[in-house]
């Protein structure tokens, strides 16, 4: 947690989705527990007691009158299952510090991100009204749908492994199944599954299973999603919706669109994948390459796009709202699916930890060489984009409703760097920064307090100006016993 709270940086901090301050003058604030739940159900965070937020967003210590008693009250409460359903903290996660010249005592509580099987973390013995999440506006109540999603995600058996006991095998689309089998056969000639009947094959790949209810073979949820017809799929997943849009011309709403609900095709995940993949690679420039006397048209970019599209479909929460939406723009591809990132956004970027929301769907894609089981798919996408010199992909997680959005830009990095440089130059030309620069010409160093004096601006504004000058390499920050001093670079 040192990455989100460092006492030496105290004056620079502001409240955000990882940090929260509370005065705690009259004991433990009631809202403390909302924030504990919110941080635990998102990415963790730090709660600081004995501090208030000023109007300009800066922090001011108010101190704690009886910090030792407050800490004891905290541990007594967090270990009370009627107040908090689970205590995620260890002794090292609660610290007391003295801050400033007045030696004001503050209490810092580090709240870790709960594991998938521990969520939802809730308070007051009320799972639906006591579960919170965090955004930049503070703590908010989770909806019943969000709570139910967390409960579904607790188990090792993923949602798509469910056997649909009432559904006959005939409800699947055998044109899609045969197309999939042909792809499997061509990619893995001589595979043991090749000689199986359709029903045996579907059982082997996880698309069907024997029901404990009647002892007969029925589709699994994954089988229905992958190989069903849309009008059958929505009986089991009412919110199911797949949507591809090409928005290449600003004068038209879209130049091409493919929807699962159109009735013009099956509308299932398998057919959607292949139709959309062929659309998104149309404009990819393929370098000429020969291997063994034959031209190879597959590139790392193609592989990365396959990975991105499969990842979107494999990790979608098909009970979630708004469905899967793939949007192709002139210089960008945006892939959005319902559901939060089960491993967390940071771990998704790092890779190495595979925790798909739909394990059976992932197996089916893996069998035809699509998708990475080892959790290396997303890092590989970032590596390919870096090799191409394109802007870094952006992973965004949205809540209420839960959505994961991956944006893949095809613009070269240099263009963006020029934009940023232009922005920094325009910032430096502002009147307060000119005054700071004039002062630096005479004195070579400046403090925040001196910046306030010469510009007439607030501390928060002056800190932003000084940070801008640091960003463009004109000054550098150094710590002294008096706090931060900004020194002009020679």
Protein backbone atom coordinates (compact mmCIF):
# COMPACT_ATOMS: atom_id res chain seq x y z
CA UNK A 1 0.00 0.00 0.00
CA UNK A 2 3.05 2.29 0.10
CA UNK A 3 2.21 3.23 -3.49
CA UNK A 4 -0.97 5.04 -2.34
CA UNK A 5 0.24 6.57 0.94
CA UNK A 6 3.68 7.89 1.83
CA UNK A 7 3.85 10.20 4.85
CA UNK A 8 6.56 12.32 3.19
CA UNK A 9 4.09 13.11 0.37
CA UNK A 10 1.25 14.10 2.73
CA UNK A 11 1.01 17.71 1.51
CA UNK A 12 0.65 16.58 -2.11
CA UNK A 13 -2.29 14.18 -1.60
CA UNK A 14 -5.95 14.68 -2.43
CA UNK A 15 -9.00 12.47 -1.95
CA UNK A 16 -9.60 10.12 -4.87
CA UNK A 17 -10.76 6.56 -5.48
CA UNK A 18 -7.90 5.18 -3.37
CA UNK A 19 -7.68 7.72 -0.51
CA UNK A 20 -10.25 9.04 1.98
CA UNK A 21 -9.79 11.39 4.97
CA UNK A 22 -12.12 11.78 7.97
CA UNK A 23 -11.89 14.09 11.01
CA UNK A 24 -13.04 11.51 13.58
CA UNK A 25 -13.43 14.17 16.30
CA UNK A 26 -16.20 12.31 18.12
CA UNK A 27 -14.90 8.77 17.68
CA UNK A 28 -15.03 6.41 14.72
CA UNK A 29 -17.14 7.98 11.93
CA UNK A 30 -20.15 5.94 10.82
CA UNK A 31 -19.12 6.46 7.20
CA UNK A 32 -15.79 4.72 7.90
CA UNK A 33 -17.44 1.35 7.36
CA UNK A 34 -19.03 2.36 4.06
CA UNK A 35 -15.54 3.28 2.85
CA UNK A 36 -14.03 0.04 4.17
CA UNK A 37 -16.60 -1.95 2.16
CA UNK A 38 -16.09 0.28 -0.91
CA UNK A 39 -12.30 -0.04 -0.95
CA UNK A 40 -12.43 -3.81 -0.32
CA UNK A 41 -14.85 -4.36 -3.20
CA UNK A 42 -12.71 -2.30 -5.61
CA UNK A 43 -8.91 -1.96 -5.60
CA UNK A 44 -8.21 -1.29 -1.95
CA UNK A 45 -7.32 2.07 -0.49
CA UNK A 46 -6.26 4.03 2.56
CA UNK A 47 -8.52 5.69 5.15
CA UNK A 48 -6.90 8.45 7.21
CA UNK A 49 -8.51 9.57 10.47
CA UNK A 50 -7.64 12.90 12.08
CA UNK A 51 -7.59 14.84 8.80
CA UNK A 52 -10.14 17.11 7.12
CA UNK A 53 -10.46 18.14 3.50
CA UNK A 54 -10.32 21.87 2.78
CA UNK A 55 -12.45 23.61 0.13
CA UNK A 56 -9.54 23.64 -2.34
CA UNK A 57 -9.12 19.89 -1.91
CA UNK A 58 -6.01 20.05 0.24
CA UNK A 59 -5.74 18.17 3.55
CA UNK A 60 -5.38 19.66 7.00
CA UNK A 61 -4.64 17.63 10.12
CA UNK A 62 -7.09 17.97 12.99
CA UNK A 63 -5.47 15.24 15.09
CA UNK A 64 -7.00 12.53 17.27
CA UNK A 65 -7.68 13.15 20.97
CA UNK A 66 -7.33 9.55 22.11
CA UNK A 67 -5.74 7.62 19.27
CA UNK A 68 -5.02 4.45 21.26
CA UNK A 69 -8.68 4.09 22.31
CA UNK A 70 -9.80 4.84 18.76
CA UNK A 71 -7.56 2.10 17.41
CA UNK A 72 -8.94 -0.38 19.97
CA UNK A 73 -12.52 0.60 19.05
CA UNK A 74 -11.66 0.05 15.40
CA UNK A 75 -10.35 -3.48 15.97
CA UNK A 76 -13.30 -4.37 18.21
CA UNK A 77 -15.75 -3.23 15.53
CA UNK A 78 -14.09 -4.74 12.49
CA UNK A 79 -13.99 -8.12 14.25
CA UNK A 80 -17.72 -7.92 15.00
CA UNK A 81 -19.40 -10.00 12.27
CA UNK A 82 -22.69 -8.16 12.85
CA UNK A 83 -20.99 -4.93 11.72
CA UNK A 84 -18.59 -6.22 9.04
CA UNK A 85 -18.95 -9.63 7.39
CA UNK A 86 -15.19 -10.14 6.99
CA UNK A 87 -12.04 -8.56 8.44
CA UNK A 88 -9.40 -8.34 5.70
CA UNK A 89 -6.84 -6.47 7.83
CA UNK A 90 -3.79 -7.57 9.82
CA UNK A 91 -2.13 -5.65 12.67
CA UNK A 92 0.29 -3.99 10.25
CA UNK A 93 -2.58 -2.43 8.29
CA UNK A 94 -3.38 0.16 10.99
CA UNK A 95 -0.69 2.71 11.87
CA UNK A 96 -0.48 5.88 14.01
CA UNK A 97 1.66 8.79 12.80
CA UNK A 98 2.60 12.26 14.05
CA UNK A 99 2.30 14.95 11.38
CA UNK A 100 3.47 18.57 11.13
CA UNK A 101 4.98 20.96 13.61
CA UNK A 102 2.09 20.40 16.04
CA UNK A 103 2.73 16.63 16.06
CA UNK A 104 -0.93 15.94 15.32
CA UNK A 105 -1.67 12.22 15.61
CA UNK A 106 -3.41 10.58 12.66
CA UNK A 107 -4.51 6.97 12.13
CA UNK A 108 -3.89 5.39 8.75
CA UNK A 109 -5.93 2.30 7.81
CA UNK A 110 -4.76 0.32 4.79
CA UNK A 111 -7.65 -1.63 3.24
CA UNK A 112 -6.62 -4.37 0.77
CA UNK A 113 -8.62 -5.41 -2.27
CA UNK A 114 -10.77 -8.44 -1.35
CA UNK A 115 -10.21 -11.65 -3.28
CA UNK A 116 -12.93 -12.76 -5.66
CA UNK A 117 -14.10 -15.50 -3.29
CA UNK A 118 -14.34 -12.95 -0.40
CA UNK A 119 -16.61 -10.50 -2.22
CA UNK A 120 -18.99 -8.91 -1.54
CA UNK A 121 -17.62 -7.25 1.61
CA UNK A 122 -20.64 -5.70 3.32
CA UNK A 123 -21.70 -4.07 6.61
CA UNK A 124 -24.57 -4.15 9.11
CA UNK A 125 -25.37 -7.79 8.32
CA UNK A 126 -27.19 -6.65 5.16
CA UNK A 127 -25.68 -7.92 1.92
CA UNK A 128 -27.92 -5.97 -0.46
CA UNK A 129 -28.04 -2.63 1.39
CA UNK A 130 -24.61 -2.80 3.03
CA UNK A 131 -22.37 -3.44 0.01
CA UNK A 132 -20.45 -0.44 -1.37
CA UNK A 133 -18.03 0.40 -4.14
CA UNK A 134 -15.74 3.35 -4.78
CA UNK A 135 -15.51 5.89 -7.57
CA UNK A 136 -14.04 9.39 -7.80
CA UNK A 137 -17.19 10.83 -6.25
CA UNK A 138 -16.90 8.68 -3.13
CA UNK A 139 -18.66 5.56 -1.83
CA UNK A 140 -21.87 4.37 -3.45
CA UNK A 141 -24.34 1.57 -2.76
CA UNK A 142 -24.02 -1.45 -5.05
CA UNK A 143 -27.15 -2.47 -6.91
CA UNK A 144 -28.70 -5.91 -6.39
CA UNK A 145 -27.37 -6.89 -9.83
CA UNK A 146 -23.81 -5.97 -8.83
CA UNK A 147 -24.09 -7.94 -5.57
CA UNK A 148 -25.47 -10.96 -7.42
CA UNK A 149 -22.56 -10.77 -9.88
CA UNK A 150 -20.05 -10.85 -7.01
CA UNK A 151 -21.84 -13.85 -5.52
CA UNK A 152 -21.77 -15.68 -8.87
CA UNK A 153 -18.07 -14.93 -9.22
CA UNK A 154 -17.21 -16.49 -5.84
CA UNK A 155 -17.29 -20.08 -7.06
CA UNK A 156 -14.59 -21.94 -8.99
CA UNK A 157 -17.24 -23.42 -11.27
CA UNK A 158 -18.01 -20.54 -13.58
CA UNK A 159 -21.49 -19.54 -14.66
CA UNK A 160 -21.15 -21.07 -18.13
CA UNK A 161 -20.64 -24.60 -16.73
CA UNK A 162 -24.28 -24.81 -15.62
CA UNK A 163 -26.25 -27.65 -17.22
CA UNK A 164 -29.49 -26.45 -18.81
CA UNK A 165 -31.64 -29.38 -17.65
CA UNK A 166 -34.79 -28.36 -19.52
CA UNK A 167 -33.12 -27.71 -22.89
CA UNK A 168 -32.91 -30.45 -25.57
CA UNK A 169 -29.75 -30.88 -27.63
CA UNK A 170 -31.82 -30.04 -30.71
CA UNK A 171 -31.98 -26.40 -29.58
CA UNK A 172 -28.36 -25.90 -30.62
CA UNK A 173 -27.42 -24.63 -34.08
CA UNK A 174 -25.68 -27.49 -35.88
CA UNK A 175 -24.49 -25.31 -38.77
CA UNK A 176 -22.41 -23.36 -36.26
CA UNK A 177 -21.24 -26.60 -34.60
CA UNK A 178 -20.09 -28.09 -37.91
CA UNK A 179 -18.29 -24.88 -38.84
CA UNK A 180 -16.49 -24.94 -35.49
CA UNK A 181 -15.60 -28.62 -35.94
CA UNK A 182 -14.16 -27.89 -39.39
CA UNK A 183 -11.95 -25.17 -37.90
CA UNK A 184 -10.82 -27.54 -35.14
CA UNK A 185 -10.12 -30.30 -37.69
CA UNK A 186 -8.06 -28.07 -39.98
CA UNK A 187 -6.01 -26.62 -37.15
CA UNK A 188 -5.42 -29.89 -35.27
CA UNK A 189 -5.49 -32.70 -37.77
CA UNK A 190 -5.77 -36.10 -36.13
CA UNK A 191 -7.09 -34.74 -32.81
CA UNK A 192 -8.73 -37.50 -30.66
CA UNK A 193 -12.09 -35.64 -30.76
CA UNK A 194 -12.18 -35.77 -34.57
CA UNK A 195 -13.95 -39.16 -34.79
CA UNK A 196 -16.60 -38.42 -32.16
CA UNK A 197 -20.28 -37.96 -32.97
CA UNK A 198 -21.65 -34.43 -32.60
CA UNK A 199 -23.15 -35.15 -29.17
CA UNK A 200 -20.00 -36.88 -27.89
CA UNK A 201 -17.91 -34.04 -29.29
CA UNK A 202 -20.03 -31.36 -27.58
CA UNK A 203 -19.75 -33.20 -24.28
CA UNK A 204 -15.96 -33.49 -24.66
CA UNK A 205 -15.48 -29.75 -25.22
CA UNK A 206 -17.82 -28.69 -22.38
CA UNK A 207 -20.74 -27.59 -24.55
CA UNK A 208 -22.99 -30.36 -23.17
CA UNK A 209 -23.16 -32.48 -20.01
CA UNK A 210 -25.21 -35.25 -18.41
CA UNK A 211 -27.92 -33.80 -16.19
CA UNK A 212 -28.20 -35.08 -12.61
CA UNK A 213 -31.93 -34.42 -12.88
CA UNK A 214 -32.82 -36.85 -15.69
CA UNK A 215 -29.52 -38.55 -16.58
CA UNK A 216 -29.69 -37.27 -20.17
CA UNK A 217 -27.39 -35.08 -22.22
CA UNK A 218 -28.26 -31.37 -22.27
CA UNK A 219 -26.45 -28.22 -23.42
CA UNK A 220 -24.42 -26.31 -20.86
CA UNK A 221 -24.75 -22.54 -20.60
CA UNK A 222 -21.47 -22.30 -22.54
CA UNK A 223 -22.82 -24.58 -25.24
CA UNK A 224 -25.95 -22.47 -25.58
CA UNK A 225 -23.93 -19.21 -25.74
CA UNK A 226 -21.43 -20.59 -28.24
CA UNK A 227 -23.71 -22.65 -30.46
CA UNK A 228 -27.33 -21.66 -29.74
CA UNK A 229 -29.66 -19.41 -31.70
CA UNK A 230 -30.24 -15.95 -30.26
CA UNK A 231 -33.95 -16.54 -29.60
CA UNK A 232 -33.02 -19.58 -27.46
CA UNK A 233 -30.05 -17.89 -25.77
CA UNK A 234 -32.15 -14.99 -24.44
CA UNK A 235 -34.48 -17.42 -22.66
CA UNK A 236 -31.59 -18.21 -20.33
CA UNK A 237 -29.72 -14.89 -20.54
CA UNK A 238 -32.39 -12.17 -20.91
CA UNK A 239 -29.77 -9.38 -21.18
CA UNK A 240 -27.72 -11.19 -23.85
CA UNK A 241 -26.78 -8.86 -26.70
CA UNK A 242 -23.83 -8.74 -29.11
CA UNK A 243 -23.27 -5.61 -31.18
CA UNK A 244 -20.59 -4.66 -33.72
CA UNK A 245 -20.53 -1.16 -35.19
CA UNK A 246 -18.29 0.45 -37.80
CA UNK A 247 -18.26 4.22 -37.33
CA UNK A 248 -15.82 5.22 -40.07
CA UNK A 249 -17.68 8.18 -41.56
CA UNK A 250 -18.66 11.11 -39.27
CA UNK A 251 -21.55 12.00 -41.58
CA UNK A 252 -23.31 8.64 -41.01
CA UNK A 253 -24.30 6.94 -37.77
CA UNK A 254 -22.49 3.75 -38.80
CA UNK A 255 -21.22 2.27 -42.03
CA UNK A 256 -21.72 -1.36 -40.96
CA UNK A 257 -23.51 -3.03 -38.07
CA UNK A 258 -23.95 -6.61 -36.89
CA UNK A 259 -26.40 -7.37 -34.06
CA UNK A 260 -27.23 -10.69 -32.42
CA UNK A 261 -30.92 -9.78 -32.34
CA UNK A 262 -31.32 -9.03 -36.07
CA UNK A 263 -32.68 -12.51 -36.93
CA UNK A 264 -30.53 -12.55 -40.08
CA UNK A 265 -27.95 -14.95 -38.62
CA UNK A 266 -27.60 -17.26 -35.58
CA UNK A 267 -26.63 -14.51 -33.13
CA UNK A 268 -24.39 -16.82 -31.08
CA UNK A 269 -20.91 -16.11 -29.69
CA UNK A 270 -19.06 -18.41 -32.11
CA UNK A 271 -20.49 -16.92 -35.30
CA UNK A 272 -20.18 -13.39 -33.89
CA UNK A 273 -16.48 -13.93 -33.24
CA UNK A 274 -15.65 -15.05 -36.78
CA UNK A 275 -17.85 -12.46 -38.49
CA UNK A 276 -16.45 -9.59 -36.42
CA UNK A 277 -12.82 -10.74 -36.64
CA UNK A 278 -13.02 -10.70 -40.44
CA UNK A 279 -14.42 -7.16 -40.31
CA UNK A 280 -11.81 -5.70 -37.94
CA UNK A 281 -8.80 -7.06 -39.89
CA UNK A 282 -9.93 -5.70 -43.27
CA UNK A 283 -7.74 -2.60 -43.00
CA UNK A 284 -4.73 -4.21 -41.31
CA UNK A 285 -1.67 -3.79 -43.51
CA UNK A 286 -0.06 -7.23 -43.88
CA UNK A 287 3.70 -7.29 -44.55
CA UNK A 288 4.89 -9.66 -47.26
CA UNK A 289 6.48 -12.70 -45.62
CA UNK A 290 7.46 -16.11 -46.98
CA UNK A 291 7.82 -19.30 -44.93
CA UNK A 292 8.59 -22.61 -46.66
CA UNK A 293 7.80 -21.10 -50.03
CA UNK A 294 4.33 -19.92 -48.97
CA UNK A 295 3.14 -16.44 -48.13
CA UNK A 296 2.18 -15.93 -44.47
CA UNK A 297 -0.60 -13.39 -44.01
CA UNK A 298 -0.85 -13.75 -40.22
CA UNK A 299 1.00 -11.13 -38.17
CA UNK A 300 1.44 -10.36 -34.45
CA UNK A 301 -1.23 -7.66 -34.90
CA UNK A 302 -3.70 -10.25 -36.20
CA UNK A 303 -2.95 -12.50 -33.24
CA UNK A 304 -3.36 -9.59 -30.81
CA UNK A 305 -6.73 -8.67 -32.32
CA UNK A 306 -7.91 -12.28 -32.04
CA UNK A 307 -6.81 -12.26 -28.41
CA UNK A 308 -8.58 -8.97 -27.68
CA UNK A 309 -11.85 -10.10 -29.26
CA UNK A 310 -11.82 -13.53 -27.58
CA UNK A 311 -10.88 -11.98 -24.23
CA UNK A 312 -13.88 -9.64 -24.50
CA UNK A 313 -16.30 -12.53 -25.17
CA UNK A 314 -14.76 -14.96 -22.66
CA UNK A 315 -14.87 -12.46 -19.77
CA UNK A 316 -18.31 -11.00 -20.45
CA UNK A 317 -20.98 -11.35 -17.77
CA UNK A 318 -23.88 -12.47 -19.94
CA UNK A 319 -26.30 -11.69 -17.11
CA UNK A 320 -25.01 -8.09 -17.11
CA UNK A 321 -26.55 -5.03 -18.75
CA UNK A 322 -25.84 -3.46 -22.15
CA UNK A 323 -24.20 -6.51 -23.71
CA UNK A 324 -20.96 -6.83 -25.66
CA UNK A 325 -20.25 -3.85 -27.92
CA UNK A 326 -17.36 -3.76 -30.41
CA UNK A 327 -16.87 -0.39 -32.09
CA UNK A 328 -14.50 0.21 -35.01
CA UNK A 329 -13.49 3.82 -35.63
CA UNK A 330 -11.06 5.16 -38.26
CA UNK A 331 -8.06 5.01 -35.90
CA UNK A 332 -9.33 2.97 -32.99
CA UNK A 333 -11.00 -0.29 -31.97
CA UNK A 334 -13.04 -0.29 -28.74
CA UNK A 335 -14.14 -3.55 -27.12
CA UNK A 336 -16.61 -3.35 -24.21
CA UNK A 337 -18.18 -6.18 -22.24
CA UNK A 338 -20.47 -6.32 -19.20
CA UNK A 339 -18.69 -7.31 -15.97
CA UNK A 340 -15.78 -6.01 -13.90
CA UNK A 341 -12.25 -7.47 -14.21
CA UNK A 342 -12.12 -10.51 -11.92
CA UNK A 343 -8.35 -10.30 -11.36
CA UNK A 344 -8.37 -6.49 -11.10
CA UNK A 345 -7.30 -4.06 -13.81
CA UNK A 346 -3.67 -3.91 -12.67
CA UNK A 347 -3.27 -7.70 -12.68
CA UNK A 348 -5.01 -7.92 -16.07
CA UNK A 349 -2.34 -5.59 -17.47
CA UNK A 350 0.54 -7.48 -15.82
CA UNK A 351 -0.77 -10.93 -16.81
CA UNK A 352 0.35 -14.25 -15.39
CA UNK A 353 -2.93 -14.86 -13.58
CA UNK A 354 -5.78 -16.36 -15.58
CA UNK A 355 -9.23 -16.13 -14.00
CA UNK A 356 -11.80 -16.07 -16.82
CA UNK A 357 -15.46 -15.44 -16.06
CA UNK A 358 -16.43 -18.24 -18.48
CA UNK A 359 -13.95 -21.13 -18.29
CA UNK A 360 -15.89 -23.42 -20.61
CA UNK A 361 -16.06 -20.75 -23.31
CA UNK A 362 -12.32 -20.20 -22.94
CA UNK A 363 -11.68 -23.94 -23.44
CA UNK A 364 -13.70 -23.90 -26.67
CA UNK A 365 -11.74 -20.93 -28.03
CA UNK A 366 -8.43 -22.49 -26.95
CA UNK A 367 -9.25 -25.68 -28.90
CA UNK A 368 -9.22 -23.66 -32.13
CA UNK A 369 -6.05 -21.78 -31.12
CA UNK A 370 -7.79 -18.61 -29.99
CA UNK A 371 -7.05 -17.03 -26.61
CA UNK A 372 -4.29 -17.52 -24.05
CA UNK A 373 -4.90 -19.74 -21.04
CA UNK A 374 -1.79 -18.59 -19.16
CA UNK A 375 -2.99 -15.02 -18.63
CA UNK A 376 -0.42 -13.65 -21.09
CA UNK A 377 -2.90 -12.48 -23.72
CA UNK A 378 -3.41 -8.88 -22.57
CA UNK A 379 0.31 -8.20 -21.90
CA UNK A 380 1.00 -9.56 -25.39
CA UNK A 381 -1.48 -7.05 -26.85
CA UNK A 382 0.41 -4.23 -25.10
CA UNK A 383 3.75 -5.60 -26.37
CA UNK A 384 2.51 -5.79 -29.98
CA UNK A 385 1.17 -2.23 -29.79
CA UNK A 386 4.53 -1.04 -28.42
CA UNK A 387 6.40 -2.84 -31.22
CA UNK A 388 4.16 -1.13 -33.80
CA UNK A 389 4.82 2.26 -32.20
CA UNK A 390 1.11 2.81 -31.55
CA UNK A 391 -0.37 4.60 -28.55
CA UNK A 392 -0.58 2.33 -25.52
CA UNK A 393 -3.88 0.42 -25.15
CA UNK A 394 -6.20 1.68 -22.42
CA UNK A 395 -8.08 -0.59 -20.01
CA UNK A 396 -11.04 1.11 -18.37
CA UNK A 397 -13.34 -0.31 -15.72
CA UNK A 398 -16.77 1.26 -15.24
CA UNK A 399 -19.29 0.58 -12.52
CA UNK A 400 -23.06 0.79 -12.26
CA UNK A 401 -23.47 -1.03 -14.54
CA UNK A 402 -20.20 -2.97 -14.47
CA UNK A 403 -18.28 -2.79 -17.75
CA UNK A 404 -14.75 -3.45 -18.93
CA UNK A 405 -13.54 -1.41 -21.90
CA UNK A 406 -10.34 -2.02 -23.91
CA UNK A 407 -9.39 0.74 -26.36
CA UNK A 408 -6.84 -0.06 -29.07
CA UNK A 409 -5.55 3.00 -30.93
CA UNK A 410 -3.81 2.71 -34.31
CA UNK A 411 -2.24 6.17 -34.03
CA UNK A 412 1.53 6.50 -33.69
CA UNK A 413 2.81 7.62 -30.28
CA UNK A 414 4.66 10.61 -31.69
CA UNK A 415 1.40 12.38 -32.55
CA UNK A 416 0.19 12.14 -28.99
CA UNK A 417 3.55 13.27 -27.61
CA UNK A 418 3.39 16.39 -29.79
CA UNK A 419 -0.10 17.16 -28.43
CA UNK A 420 1.12 16.80 -24.85
CA UNK A 421 4.13 19.00 -25.51
CA UNK A 422 1.92 21.70 -27.07
CA UNK A 423 -0.32 21.54 -24.01
CA UNK A 424 2.64 21.87 -21.64
CA UNK A 425 4.02 24.85 -23.57
CA UNK A 426 0.64 26.63 -23.42
CA UNK A 427 0.49 25.99 -19.67
CA UNK A 428 3.91 27.57 -19.17
CA UNK A 429 2.73 30.77 -20.89
CA UNK A 430 0.05 31.42 -18.25
CA UNK A 431 0.52 34.57 -16.12
CA UNK A 432 1.13 32.85 -12.74
CA UNK A 433 3.79 30.59 -14.27
CA UNK A 434 5.48 33.58 -15.90
CA UNK A 435 5.72 35.19 -12.43
CA UNK A 436 7.19 31.98 -11.00
CA UNK A 437 9.72 31.82 -13.87
CA UNK A 438 10.74 35.46 -13.28
CA UNK A 439 11.29 34.71 -9.59
CA UNK A 440 13.38 31.65 -10.47
CA UNK A 441 15.59 33.73 -12.77
CA UNK A 442 16.65 35.77 -9.72
CA UNK A 443 16.61 33.12 -6.98
CA UNK A 444 17.03 29.67 -8.63
CA UNK A 445 14.66 28.02 -6.14
CA UNK A 446 11.12 28.46 -4.85
CA UNK A 447 8.73 27.01 -2.25
CA UNK A 448 4.98 26.60 -2.50
CA UNK A 449 4.50 29.34 0.09
CA UNK A 450 6.61 31.79 -1.94
CA UNK A 451 4.64 30.83 -5.05
CA UNK A 452 1.39 31.73 -3.25
CA UNK A 453 2.89 35.07 -2.22
CA UNK A 454 4.03 36.14 -5.70
CA UNK A 455 1.05 34.82 -7.70
CA UNK A 456 -1.82 35.43 -5.29
CA UNK A 457 -3.12 31.94 -6.08
CA UNK A 458 -4.07 29.14 -3.65
CA UNK A 459 -1.59 26.49 -2.47
CA UNK A 460 -3.35 23.84 -4.54
CA UNK A 461 -3.09 25.95 -7.72
CA UNK A 462 0.55 26.81 -7.11
CA UNK A 463 1.38 23.13 -6.58
CA UNK A 464 -0.17 22.37 -9.97
CA UNK A 465 1.91 25.12 -11.63
CA UNK A 466 5.10 23.78 -10.04
CA UNK A 467 4.24 20.25 -11.08
CA UNK A 468 3.79 21.43 -14.71
CA UNK A 469 7.27 22.97 -14.60
CA UNK A 470 8.66 19.72 -13.19
CA UNK A 471 6.95 17.75 -15.99
CA UNK A 472 8.69 19.75 -18.73
CA UNK A 473 12.06 19.58 -16.98
CA UNK A 474 12.47 23.24 -16.01
CA UNK A 475 12.60 22.62 -12.25
CA UNK A 476 13.01 19.64 -9.97
CA UNK A 477 11.55 18.96 -6.52
CA UNK A 478 13.75 18.20 -3.54
CA UNK A 479 12.81 17.58 0.09
CA UNK A 480 14.27 19.59 3.00
CA UNK A 481 13.43 19.90 6.67
CA UNK A 482 11.10 22.76 5.71
CA UNK A 483 9.25 20.67 3.12
CA UNK A 484 9.42 20.65 -0.68
CA UNK A 485 11.75 23.10 -2.41
CA UNK A 486 11.70 23.45 -6.21
CA UNK A 487 15.12 24.11 -7.77
CA UNK A 488 15.71 25.48 -11.24
CA UNK A 489 17.61 23.08 -13.47
CA UNK A 490 20.79 24.54 -14.95
